[in-house]
Amino acid sequence: MKFYPGLLTDEEQEAVRRAAKLRRESLDAGSPHSDPKKPASVESPKPASPPPRASAPVVVEKDRLFETVEKEDTSSRNYLKLFAIVVAMILVAGGIIFYMALPKVGDKVKASKELEDAMRSHFLEKEKRTATDIDFYYCGSYHWARVGVETRTDIPGNPLAKIPTYAAKATPVGGGQFNITAAPITSPDQDKPCG
């Protein structure tokens, strides 16, 4: 029988070699060319059985059956905590940006449609001028406006008809109504928003 190396342990291979050597010697003893001093029949000893492998039982420190489930629960809780922190940071950053974007006194703003309509109708009805460009400025409790108007050359004796810009103040009264006062800008001091 031929054994390939690596299939048996070193002790088992050594036992197989000894048994094979003893068999050869016993066969040689029975042949006519054998040594007369050796006995004719020698029983071949059985190969030594390999020593039993002592394998210690594996001691389990703790039951790990539900360890994966516990890790998933803690992982999802940690994910939710991280998600909540990120959402809170985004909300705080959004609040800061919103607060910083609020108009301050003297900032140019886009007025509501009601305010712009009220301003244009005031200039047509009260000032008897057609408003062209209107720039609104936030002044806290009211809006200041620089109103461009069409000049009137058809009235030769009125110097106010040749002034192209008015300053107006619009204070909200309630219900989409505004109290509007306007004056022509005749000096640079009058052309200052909220002034």
N, C-alpha and C. Protein backbone atom coordinates (compact mmCIF):
# COMPACT_ATOMS: atom_id res chain seq x y z
N MET A 1 0.85 -1.16 0.00
CA MET A 1 0.00 0.00 0.00
C MET A 1 0.90 1.23 0.00
N LYS A 2 0.56 2.22 -0.81
CA LYS A 2 1.40 3.40 -0.92
C LYS A 2 0.63 4.58 -0.34
N PHE A 3 1.28 5.31 0.52
CA PHE A 3 0.66 6.49 1.15
C PHE A 3 1.36 7.73 0.62
N TYR A 4 0.58 8.69 0.35
CA TYR A 4 1.14 9.97 -0.10
C TYR A 4 1.45 10.85 1.10
N PRO A 5 2.53 11.60 1.04
CA PRO A 5 2.88 12.45 2.18
C PRO A 5 1.80 13.48 2.41
N GLY A 6 1.57 13.74 3.67
CA GLY A 6 0.58 14.75 4.03
C GLY A 6 -0.75 14.16 4.40
N LEU A 7 -1.01 12.90 4.03
CA LEU A 7 -2.29 12.29 4.40
C LEU A 7 -2.25 11.76 5.82
N LEU A 8 -1.06 11.35 6.27
CA LEU A 8 -0.91 10.84 7.63
C LEU A 8 -0.03 11.77 8.42
N THR A 9 -0.17 11.71 9.71
CA THR A 9 0.71 12.53 10.54
C THR A 9 2.08 11.90 10.59
N ASP A 10 3.04 12.59 11.13
CA ASP A 10 4.41 12.08 11.19
C ASP A 10 4.49 10.79 11.99
N GLU A 11 3.77 10.70 13.12
CA GLU A 11 3.81 9.48 13.93
C GLU A 11 3.21 8.30 13.17
N GLU A 12 2.12 8.55 12.45
CA GLU A 12 1.47 7.47 11.70
C GLU A 12 2.38 6.99 10.58
N GLN A 13 3.05 7.92 9.90
CA GLN A 13 3.97 7.54 8.82
C GLN A 13 5.13 6.71 9.36
N GLU A 14 5.65 7.10 10.51
CA GLU A 14 6.75 6.36 11.12
C GLU A 14 6.31 4.95 11.49
N ALA A 15 5.09 4.80 12.02
CA ALA A 15 4.57 3.48 12.38
C ALA A 15 4.41 2.61 11.14
N VAL A 16 3.94 3.19 10.04
CA VAL A 16 3.78 2.44 8.80
C VAL A 16 5.14 2.01 8.28
N ARG A 17 6.17 2.85 8.37
CA ARG A 17 7.51 2.48 7.92
C ARG A 17 8.08 1.31 8.74
N ARG A 18 7.89 1.40 10.07
CA ARG A 18 8.39 0.31 10.92
C ARG A 18 7.70 -1.01 10.58
N ALA A 19 6.39 -0.96 10.37
CA ALA A 19 5.66 -2.19 10.04
C ALA A 19 6.14 -2.76 8.71
N ALA A 20 6.38 -1.89 7.73
CA ALA A 20 6.86 -2.35 6.43
C ALA A 20 8.25 -2.96 6.56
N LYS A 21 9.11 -2.38 7.38
CA LYS A 21 10.46 -2.90 7.58
C LYS A 21 10.40 -4.29 8.23
N LEU A 22 9.53 -4.44 9.23
CA LEU A 22 9.39 -5.73 9.91
C LEU A 22 8.86 -6.79 8.94
N ARG A 23 7.95 -6.44 8.07
CA ARG A 23 7.43 -7.41 7.10
C ARG A 23 8.52 -7.86 6.15
N ARG A 24 9.32 -6.89 5.70
CA ARG A 24 10.41 -7.25 4.80
C ARG A 24 11.39 -8.21 5.49
N GLU A 25 11.69 -7.92 6.74
CA GLU A 25 12.61 -8.79 7.48
C GLU A 25 12.03 -10.19 7.66
N SER A 26 10.73 -10.25 7.91
CA SER A 26 10.11 -11.57 8.08
C SER A 26 10.08 -12.33 6.76
N LEU A 27 9.88 -11.66 5.68
CA LEU A 27 9.89 -12.33 4.37
C LEU A 27 11.31 -12.80 4.03
N ASP A 28 12.27 -11.98 4.36
CA ASP A 28 13.66 -12.35 4.10
C ASP A 28 14.06 -13.57 4.97
N ALA A 29 13.51 -13.67 6.16
CA ALA A 29 13.84 -14.78 7.05
C ALA A 29 13.32 -16.09 6.48
N GLY A 30 12.24 -16.14 5.80
CA GLY A 30 11.67 -17.36 5.25
C GLY A 30 12.28 -17.75 3.92
N SER A 31 13.08 -16.94 3.29
CA SER A 31 13.68 -17.25 2.00
C SER A 31 14.94 -18.08 2.18
N PRO A 32 15.37 -18.84 1.13
CA PRO A 32 16.54 -19.70 1.26
C PRO A 32 17.81 -18.92 1.49
N HIS A 33 17.84 -17.66 1.16
CA HIS A 33 19.06 -16.87 1.33
C HIS A 33 19.06 -16.15 2.66
N SER A 34 18.24 -16.48 3.57
CA SER A 34 18.13 -15.79 4.83
C SER A 34 19.22 -16.20 5.77
N ASP A 35 19.39 -15.46 6.81
CA ASP A 35 20.43 -15.69 7.81
C ASP A 35 19.99 -16.83 8.71
N PRO A 36 20.85 -17.88 8.93
CA PRO A 36 20.43 -19.01 9.74
C PRO A 36 20.28 -18.67 11.20
N LYS A 37 20.88 -17.65 11.67
CA LYS A 37 20.78 -17.30 13.08
C LYS A 37 19.42 -16.73 13.42
N LYS A 38 18.74 -16.17 12.47
CA LYS A 38 17.44 -15.57 12.73
C LYS A 38 16.39 -16.64 12.71
N PRO A 39 15.40 -16.55 13.53
CA PRO A 39 14.31 -17.53 13.51
C PRO A 39 13.55 -17.45 12.21
N ALA A 40 12.98 -18.59 11.79
CA ALA A 40 12.30 -18.68 10.50
C ALA A 40 11.01 -17.91 10.48
N SER A 41 10.26 -17.95 11.49
CA SER A 41 8.99 -17.25 11.49
C SER A 41 8.96 -16.22 12.60
N VAL A 42 8.89 -15.04 12.21
CA VAL A 42 8.77 -13.95 13.19
C VAL A 42 7.44 -13.27 12.89
N GLU A 43 6.70 -13.19 13.94
CA GLU A 43 5.41 -12.52 13.76
C GLU A 43 5.64 -11.03 13.58
N SER A 44 5.00 -10.50 12.60
CA SER A 44 5.13 -9.06 12.39
C SER A 44 4.20 -8.32 13.37
N PRO A 45 4.76 -7.39 14.04
CA PRO A 45 3.90 -6.66 14.98
C PRO A 45 2.91 -5.78 14.22
N LYS A 46 1.83 -5.60 14.83
CA LYS A 46 0.80 -4.72 14.24
C LYS A 46 1.31 -3.27 14.31
N PRO A 47 1.03 -2.55 13.29
CA PRO A 47 1.47 -1.14 13.36
C PRO A 47 0.79 -0.44 14.52
N ALA A 48 1.56 0.37 15.16
CA ALA A 48 1.02 1.10 16.31
C ALA A 48 -0.07 2.04 15.83
N SER A 49 -1.13 1.98 16.52
CA SER A 49 -2.23 2.88 16.16
C SER A 49 -1.84 4.30 16.59
N PRO A 50 -2.24 5.21 15.82
CA PRO A 50 -1.86 6.58 16.16
C PRO A 50 -2.45 6.96 17.50
N PRO A 51 -1.71 7.78 18.22
CA PRO A 51 -2.25 8.18 19.52
C PRO A 51 -3.51 9.00 19.32
N PRO A 52 -4.47 8.79 20.19
CA PRO A 52 -5.71 9.57 20.03
C PRO A 52 -5.41 11.06 20.21
N ARG A 53 -6.02 11.79 19.34
CA ARG A 53 -5.81 13.24 19.42
C ARG A 53 -6.66 13.79 20.55
N ALA A 54 -6.00 14.53 21.37
CA ALA A 54 -6.73 15.12 22.49
C ALA A 54 -7.23 16.49 22.03
N SER A 55 -8.50 16.56 21.83
CA SER A 55 -9.07 17.85 21.45
C SER A 55 -9.94 18.33 22.61
N ALA A 56 -9.56 19.47 23.11
CA ALA A 56 -10.29 20.03 24.24
C ALA A 56 -11.61 20.58 23.74
N PRO A 57 -12.66 20.43 24.51
CA PRO A 57 -13.94 20.99 24.08
C PRO A 57 -13.86 22.52 24.07
N VAL A 58 -14.52 23.10 23.09
CA VAL A 58 -14.52 24.56 22.95
C VAL A 58 -15.45 25.13 24.00
N VAL A 59 -14.91 26.06 24.76
CA VAL A 59 -15.70 26.69 25.81
C VAL A 59 -16.23 28.01 25.25
N VAL A 60 -17.52 28.18 25.29
CA VAL A 60 -18.16 29.39 24.80
C VAL A 60 -18.30 30.36 25.97
N GLU A 61 -17.76 31.56 25.78
CA GLU A 61 -17.80 32.53 26.87
C GLU A 61 -19.23 32.98 27.15
N LYS A 62 -19.95 33.27 26.10
CA LYS A 62 -21.33 33.68 26.28
C LYS A 62 -22.11 33.27 25.03
N ASP A 63 -23.38 33.26 25.17
CA ASP A 63 -24.23 32.86 24.05
C ASP A 63 -24.27 33.99 23.04
N ARG A 64 -23.82 33.71 21.80
CA ARG A 64 -23.74 34.74 20.78
C ARG A 64 -24.83 34.59 19.72
N LEU A 65 -25.90 33.92 20.10
CA LEU A 65 -26.94 33.63 19.13
C LEU A 65 -27.60 34.92 18.62
N PHE A 66 -27.88 35.86 19.50
CA PHE A 66 -28.61 37.06 19.10
C PHE A 66 -27.69 38.28 18.98
N GLU A 67 -26.39 38.05 18.89
CA GLU A 67 -25.45 39.16 18.82
C GLU A 67 -25.65 39.97 17.55
N THR A 68 -25.91 39.36 16.42
CA THR A 68 -26.11 40.08 15.16
C THR A 68 -27.34 40.96 15.24
N VAL A 69 -28.40 40.46 15.81
CA VAL A 69 -29.63 41.24 15.93
C VAL A 69 -29.39 42.44 16.83
N GLU A 70 -28.65 42.26 17.93
CA GLU A 70 -28.36 43.37 18.81
C GLU A 70 -27.51 44.41 18.10
N LYS A 71 -26.55 43.98 17.30
CA LYS A 71 -25.72 44.93 16.57
C LYS A 71 -26.56 45.72 15.58
N GLU A 72 -27.50 45.06 14.91
CA GLU A 72 -28.36 45.78 13.96
C GLU A 72 -29.22 46.80 14.68
N ASP A 73 -29.75 46.47 15.85
CA ASP A 73 -30.58 47.42 16.60
C ASP A 73 -29.76 48.63 17.01
N THR A 74 -28.58 48.40 17.55
CA THR A 74 -27.76 49.53 17.97
C THR A 74 -27.29 50.33 16.76
N SER A 75 -27.03 49.65 15.66
CA SER A 75 -26.61 50.35 14.45
C SER A 75 -27.73 51.26 13.94
N SER A 76 -28.96 50.77 13.93
CA SER A 76 -30.06 51.61 13.45
C SER A 76 -30.32 52.76 14.40
N ARG A 77 -30.16 52.52 15.72
CA ARG A 77 -30.34 53.63 16.67
C ARG A 77 -29.25 54.68 16.46
N ASN A 78 -28.03 54.23 16.26
CA ASN A 78 -26.94 55.19 16.02
C ASN A 78 -27.16 55.95 14.73
N TYR A 79 -27.67 55.27 13.70
CA TYR A 79 -27.97 55.93 12.43
C TYR A 79 -29.06 56.98 12.62
N LEU A 80 -30.09 56.65 13.39
CA LEU A 80 -31.17 57.62 13.63
C LEU A 80 -30.67 58.82 14.43
N LYS A 81 -29.79 58.57 15.40
CA LYS A 81 -29.23 59.68 16.18
C LYS A 81 -28.42 60.60 15.26
N LEU A 82 -27.59 60.00 14.41
CA LEU A 82 -26.78 60.79 13.49
C LEU A 82 -27.68 61.56 12.51
N PHE A 83 -28.71 60.91 12.02
CA PHE A 83 -29.65 61.56 11.10
C PHE A 83 -30.34 62.74 11.78
N ALA A 84 -30.76 62.56 13.05
CA ALA A 84 -31.42 63.64 13.79
C ALA A 84 -30.45 64.82 13.99
N ILE A 85 -29.20 64.52 14.27
CA ILE A 85 -28.21 65.60 14.47
C ILE A 85 -28.00 66.37 13.17
N VAL A 86 -27.90 65.65 12.06
CA VAL A 86 -27.70 66.32 10.76
C VAL A 86 -28.91 67.17 10.40
N VAL A 87 -30.12 66.66 10.64
CA VAL A 87 -31.34 67.44 10.35
C VAL A 87 -31.38 68.69 11.21
N ALA A 88 -31.03 68.56 12.50
CA ALA A 88 -31.04 69.72 13.39
C ALA A 88 -30.03 70.76 12.92
N MET A 89 -28.85 70.30 12.49
CA MET A 89 -27.85 71.25 12.01
C MET A 89 -28.32 71.96 10.74
N ILE A 90 -28.99 71.22 9.86
CA ILE A 90 -29.50 71.84 8.62
C ILE A 90 -30.59 72.87 8.95
N LEU A 91 -31.47 72.55 9.90
CA LEU A 91 -32.52 73.50 10.29
C LEU A 91 -31.94 74.75 10.92
N VAL A 92 -30.93 74.58 11.77
CA VAL A 92 -30.29 75.75 12.40
C VAL A 92 -29.62 76.60 11.33
N ALA A 93 -28.89 75.96 10.41
CA ALA A 93 -28.24 76.71 9.34
C ALA A 93 -29.26 77.42 8.46
N GLY A 94 -30.38 76.74 8.15
CA GLY A 94 -31.44 77.36 7.36
C GLY A 94 -32.06 78.55 8.07
N GLY A 95 -32.25 78.42 9.39
CA GLY A 95 -32.80 79.54 10.17
C GLY A 95 -31.86 80.73 10.18
N ILE A 96 -30.56 80.46 10.31
CA ILE A 96 -29.58 81.55 10.31
C ILE A 96 -29.56 82.25 8.95
N ILE A 97 -29.58 81.45 7.88
CA ILE A 97 -29.58 82.04 6.53
C ILE A 97 -30.86 82.85 6.30
N PHE A 98 -32.01 82.32 6.75
CA PHE A 98 -33.27 83.04 6.59
C PHE A 98 -33.23 84.36 7.34
N TYR A 99 -32.70 84.32 8.59
CA TYR A 99 -32.63 85.54 9.39
C TYR A 99 -31.71 86.56 8.74
N MET A 100 -30.58 86.08 8.22
CA MET A 100 -29.63 87.00 7.59
C MET A 100 -30.19 87.58 6.28
N ALA A 101 -31.11 86.85 5.64
CA ALA A 101 -31.67 87.32 4.37
C ALA A 101 -32.84 88.28 4.57
N LEU A 102 -33.33 88.41 5.81
CA LEU A 102 -34.42 89.36 6.04
C LEU A 102 -33.95 90.77 5.73
N PRO A 103 -34.83 91.59 5.15
CA PRO A 103 -34.40 92.95 4.81
C PRO A 103 -34.18 93.79 6.07
N LYS A 104 -33.17 94.61 6.00
CA LYS A 104 -32.87 95.53 7.09
C LYS A 104 -33.32 96.92 6.66
N VAL A 105 -33.37 97.84 7.58
CA VAL A 105 -33.81 99.20 7.28
C VAL A 105 -32.88 99.80 6.24
N GLY A 106 -33.47 100.26 5.16
CA GLY A 106 -32.72 100.88 4.07
C GLY A 106 -32.43 99.94 2.92
N ASP A 107 -32.79 98.66 3.03
CA ASP A 107 -32.55 97.70 1.95
C ASP A 107 -33.62 97.84 0.86
N LYS A 108 -33.17 97.67 -0.38
CA LYS A 108 -34.10 97.69 -1.51
C LYS A 108 -34.84 96.37 -1.53
N VAL A 109 -36.17 96.43 -1.66
CA VAL A 109 -37.00 95.23 -1.62
C VAL A 109 -37.95 95.22 -2.81
N LYS A 110 -38.51 94.04 -3.05
CA LYS A 110 -39.56 93.91 -4.05
C LYS A 110 -40.89 94.02 -3.31
N ALA A 111 -41.66 94.98 -3.67
CA ALA A 111 -42.92 95.24 -2.97
C ALA A 111 -44.00 94.28 -3.44
N SER A 112 -45.02 94.18 -2.62
CA SER A 112 -46.16 93.33 -2.98
C SER A 112 -46.93 93.97 -4.13
N LYS A 113 -47.70 93.16 -4.78
CA LYS A 113 -48.50 93.64 -5.92
C LYS A 113 -49.49 94.71 -5.47
N GLU A 114 -50.06 94.54 -4.27
CA GLU A 114 -51.03 95.53 -3.76
C GLU A 114 -50.37 96.89 -3.55
N LEU A 115 -49.15 96.89 -2.99
CA LEU A 115 -48.46 98.15 -2.74
C LEU A 115 -48.10 98.84 -4.06
N GLU A 116 -47.63 98.08 -5.02
CA GLU A 116 -47.27 98.68 -6.30
C GLU A 116 -48.50 99.25 -7.01
N ASP A 117 -49.61 98.52 -6.97
CA ASP A 117 -50.85 99.03 -7.59
C ASP A 117 -51.34 100.29 -6.89
N ALA A 118 -51.26 100.29 -5.55
CA ALA A 118 -51.69 101.47 -4.79
C ALA A 118 -50.82 102.67 -5.13
N MET A 119 -49.51 102.45 -5.28
CA MET A 119 -48.59 103.54 -5.61
C MET A 119 -48.89 104.10 -7.00
N ARG A 120 -49.10 103.23 -7.97
CA ARG A 120 -49.38 103.70 -9.34
C ARG A 120 -50.72 104.44 -9.40
N SER A 121 -51.73 103.93 -8.72
CA SER A 121 -53.04 104.62 -8.75
C SER A 121 -52.96 105.96 -8.02
N HIS A 122 -52.17 106.05 -6.93
CA HIS A 122 -51.99 107.33 -6.23
C HIS A 122 -51.40 108.37 -7.17
N PHE A 123 -50.36 107.98 -7.94
CA PHE A 123 -49.72 108.94 -8.84
C PHE A 123 -50.65 109.34 -9.98
N LEU A 124 -51.48 108.44 -10.45
CA LEU A 124 -52.43 108.81 -11.52
C LEU A 124 -53.53 109.72 -10.99
N GLU A 125 -54.08 109.41 -9.82
CA GLU A 125 -55.24 110.15 -9.31
C GLU A 125 -54.85 111.42 -8.56
N LYS A 126 -53.87 111.36 -7.71
CA LYS A 126 -53.56 112.51 -6.85
C LYS A 126 -52.50 113.42 -7.47
N GLU A 127 -51.43 112.84 -8.00
CA GLU A 127 -50.32 113.64 -8.51
C GLU A 127 -50.51 113.96 -10.00
N LYS A 128 -51.44 113.28 -10.63
CA LYS A 128 -51.73 113.46 -12.06
C LYS A 128 -50.49 113.20 -12.93
N ARG A 129 -49.71 112.16 -12.51
CA ARG A 129 -48.50 111.77 -13.23
C ARG A 129 -48.54 110.26 -13.44
N THR A 130 -47.92 109.78 -14.52
CA THR A 130 -47.84 108.34 -14.79
C THR A 130 -46.51 107.81 -14.26
N ALA A 131 -46.59 106.86 -13.34
CA ALA A 131 -45.37 106.28 -12.76
C ALA A 131 -44.76 105.29 -13.74
N THR A 132 -43.43 105.36 -13.91
CA THR A 132 -42.72 104.43 -14.81
C THR A 132 -41.98 103.39 -13.98
N ASP A 133 -40.84 103.76 -13.42
CA ASP A 133 -40.05 102.83 -12.60
C ASP A 133 -40.24 103.18 -11.13
N ILE A 134 -40.45 102.14 -10.33
CA ILE A 134 -40.60 102.36 -8.89
C ILE A 134 -39.63 101.45 -8.16
N ASP A 135 -38.78 102.03 -7.31
CA ASP A 135 -37.86 101.28 -6.45
C ASP A 135 -38.34 101.43 -5.01
N PHE A 136 -38.60 100.29 -4.36
CA PHE A 136 -39.09 100.30 -2.99
C PHE A 136 -37.96 99.98 -2.02
N TYR A 137 -37.97 100.63 -0.86
CA TYR A 137 -36.99 100.41 0.20
C TYR A 137 -37.73 100.12 1.51
N TYR A 138 -37.22 99.15 2.25
CA TYR A 138 -37.83 98.77 3.53
C TYR A 138 -37.36 99.73 4.62
N CYS A 139 -38.31 100.30 5.36
CA CYS A 139 -37.98 101.26 6.42
C CYS A 139 -38.63 100.88 7.74
N GLY A 140 -38.84 99.64 7.99
CA GLY A 140 -39.43 99.21 9.26
C GLY A 140 -40.94 99.19 9.17
N SER A 141 -41.58 100.26 9.65
CA SER A 141 -43.05 100.29 9.68
C SER A 141 -43.66 100.83 8.37
N TYR A 142 -42.84 101.29 7.46
CA TYR A 142 -43.35 101.80 6.19
C TYR A 142 -42.36 101.48 5.08
N HIS A 143 -42.76 101.75 3.83
CA HIS A 143 -41.90 101.59 2.66
C HIS A 143 -41.66 102.97 2.04
N TRP A 144 -40.41 103.21 1.68
CA TRP A 144 -40.06 104.43 0.97
C TRP A 144 -39.86 104.05 -0.48
N ALA A 145 -40.29 104.91 -1.40
CA ALA A 145 -40.18 104.58 -2.82
C ALA A 145 -39.61 105.76 -3.60
N ARG A 146 -38.73 105.40 -4.56
CA ARG A 146 -38.24 106.37 -5.53
C ARG A 146 -39.04 106.07 -6.80
N VAL A 147 -39.85 107.03 -7.21
CA VAL A 147 -40.78 106.81 -8.31
C VAL A 147 -40.37 107.67 -9.51
N GLY A 148 -40.10 106.98 -10.61
CA GLY A 148 -39.83 107.70 -11.86
C GLY A 148 -41.15 108.00 -12.54
N VAL A 149 -41.32 109.23 -12.99
CA VAL A 149 -42.57 109.63 -13.65
C VAL A 149 -42.28 110.23 -15.02
N GLU A 150 -43.29 110.21 -15.86
CA GLU A 150 -43.14 110.82 -17.18
C GLU A 150 -43.18 112.33 -17.03
N THR A 151 -42.26 112.97 -17.70
CA THR A 151 -42.27 114.45 -17.66
C THR A 151 -43.34 114.96 -18.62
N ARG A 152 -43.90 116.09 -18.23
CA ARG A 152 -44.95 116.68 -19.06
C ARG A 152 -44.44 117.99 -19.66
N THR A 153 -44.30 117.97 -20.94
CA THR A 153 -43.85 119.18 -21.64
C THR A 153 -45.04 119.97 -22.20
N ASP A 154 -46.22 119.43 -22.07
CA ASP A 154 -47.40 120.10 -22.62
C ASP A 154 -47.89 121.23 -21.70
N ILE A 155 -47.39 121.30 -20.46
CA ILE A 155 -47.78 122.38 -19.54
C ILE A 155 -46.55 123.28 -19.37
N PRO A 156 -46.50 124.42 -20.11
CA PRO A 156 -45.28 125.23 -20.08
C PRO A 156 -45.07 126.00 -18.77
N GLY A 157 -46.07 126.38 -18.04
CA GLY A 157 -45.90 127.23 -16.87
C GLY A 157 -45.68 126.46 -15.58
N ASN A 158 -45.75 125.16 -15.56
CA ASN A 158 -45.62 124.37 -14.33
C ASN A 158 -44.23 123.75 -14.26
N PRO A 159 -43.35 124.21 -13.33
CA PRO A 159 -42.00 123.65 -13.24
C PRO A 159 -42.02 122.24 -12.64
N LEU A 160 -43.04 121.87 -11.87
CA LEU A 160 -43.12 120.51 -11.29
C LEU A 160 -43.37 119.46 -12.37
N ALA A 161 -43.89 119.85 -13.49
CA ALA A 161 -44.19 118.90 -14.56
C ALA A 161 -42.90 118.41 -15.23
N LYS A 162 -41.80 119.14 -15.04
CA LYS A 162 -40.54 118.74 -15.66
C LYS A 162 -39.65 117.90 -14.73
N ILE A 163 -40.07 117.68 -13.47
CA ILE A 163 -39.29 116.88 -12.51
C ILE A 163 -39.59 115.41 -12.78
N PRO A 164 -38.53 114.57 -13.04
CA PRO A 164 -38.77 113.17 -13.43
C PRO A 164 -38.84 112.18 -12.27
N THR A 165 -38.53 112.63 -11.02
CA THR A 165 -38.47 111.67 -9.92
C THR A 165 -39.20 112.21 -8.70
N TYR A 166 -39.94 111.31 -8.03
CA TYR A 166 -40.65 111.64 -6.79
C TYR A 166 -40.19 110.69 -5.68
N ALA A 167 -40.30 111.18 -4.47
CA ALA A 167 -40.09 110.33 -3.28
C ALA A 167 -41.45 110.12 -2.65
N ALA A 168 -41.75 108.86 -2.32
CA ALA A 168 -43.06 108.56 -1.75
C ALA A 168 -42.89 107.70 -0.50
N LYS A 169 -43.83 107.86 0.42
CA LYS A 169 -43.84 107.08 1.66
C LYS A 169 -45.18 106.38 1.74
N ALA A 170 -45.12 105.02 1.88
CA ALA A 170 -46.36 104.22 1.93
C ALA A 170 -46.43 103.51 3.27
N THR A 171 -47.42 103.88 4.07
CA THR A 171 -47.63 103.27 5.38
C THR A 171 -48.86 102.37 5.29
N PRO A 172 -48.74 101.09 5.69
CA PRO A 172 -49.90 100.21 5.61
C PRO A 172 -50.97 100.60 6.64
N VAL A 173 -52.21 100.62 6.18
CA VAL A 173 -53.34 100.96 7.05
C VAL A 173 -54.06 99.69 7.48
N GLY A 174 -54.06 98.68 6.64
CA GLY A 174 -54.73 97.42 6.93
C GLY A 174 -55.66 97.05 5.80
N GLY A 175 -55.87 95.76 5.62
CA GLY A 175 -56.78 95.29 4.57
C GLY A 175 -56.25 95.55 3.18
N GLY A 176 -54.92 95.61 3.00
CA GLY A 176 -54.35 95.86 1.68
C GLY A 176 -54.40 97.32 1.28
N GLN A 177 -54.73 98.22 2.21
CA GLN A 177 -54.79 99.67 1.95
C GLN A 177 -53.52 100.33 2.48
N PHE A 178 -53.12 101.43 1.81
CA PHE A 178 -51.90 102.15 2.20
C PHE A 178 -52.17 103.64 2.22
N ASN A 179 -51.54 104.32 3.18
CA ASN A 179 -51.58 105.78 3.24
C ASN A 179 -50.30 106.26 2.54
N ILE A 180 -50.45 106.92 1.39
CA ILE A 180 -49.31 107.29 0.56
C ILE A 180 -49.19 108.80 0.50
N THR A 181 -47.95 109.28 0.76
CA THR A 181 -47.63 110.70 0.58
C THR A 181 -46.45 110.76 -0.39
N ALA A 182 -46.45 111.76 -1.26
CA ALA A 182 -45.40 111.87 -2.27
C ALA A 182 -44.98 113.32 -2.42
N ALA A 183 -43.70 113.51 -2.78
CA ALA A 183 -43.17 114.86 -3.03
C ALA A 183 -42.10 114.74 -4.10
N PRO A 184 -41.98 115.75 -4.95
CA PRO A 184 -40.94 115.70 -5.99
C PRO A 184 -39.55 115.84 -5.37
N ILE A 185 -38.58 115.15 -5.97
CA ILE A 185 -37.19 115.21 -5.49
C ILE A 185 -36.53 116.38 -6.21
N THR A 186 -36.25 117.43 -5.43
CA THR A 186 -35.63 118.63 -6.01
C THR A 186 -34.19 118.80 -5.54
N SER A 187 -33.77 118.05 -4.50
CA SER A 187 -32.38 118.13 -4.01
C SER A 187 -31.89 116.73 -3.67
N PRO A 188 -30.56 116.52 -3.65
CA PRO A 188 -30.05 115.18 -3.34
C PRO A 188 -30.39 114.71 -1.93
N ASP A 189 -30.63 115.62 -1.00
CA ASP A 189 -30.99 115.23 0.37
C ASP A 189 -32.34 114.50 0.41
N GLN A 190 -33.22 114.83 -0.50
CA GLN A 190 -34.55 114.19 -0.54
C GLN A 190 -34.51 112.80 -1.18
N ASP A 191 -33.40 112.44 -1.81
CA ASP A 191 -33.30 111.17 -2.51
C ASP A 191 -32.63 110.08 -1.66
N LYS A 192 -32.72 110.20 -0.34
CA LYS A 192 -32.15 109.19 0.55
C LYS A 192 -33.28 108.32 1.10
N PRO A 193 -33.18 106.99 0.90
CA PRO A 193 -34.22 106.09 1.41
C PRO A 193 -34.33 106.19 2.94
N CYS A 194 -35.54 106.14 3.42
CA CYS A 194 -35.86 106.17 4.85
C CYS A 194 -35.31 107.43 5.51
N GLY A 195 -35.15 108.50 4.77
CA GLY A 195 -34.57 109.71 5.32
C GLY A 195 -35.53 110.77 5.67
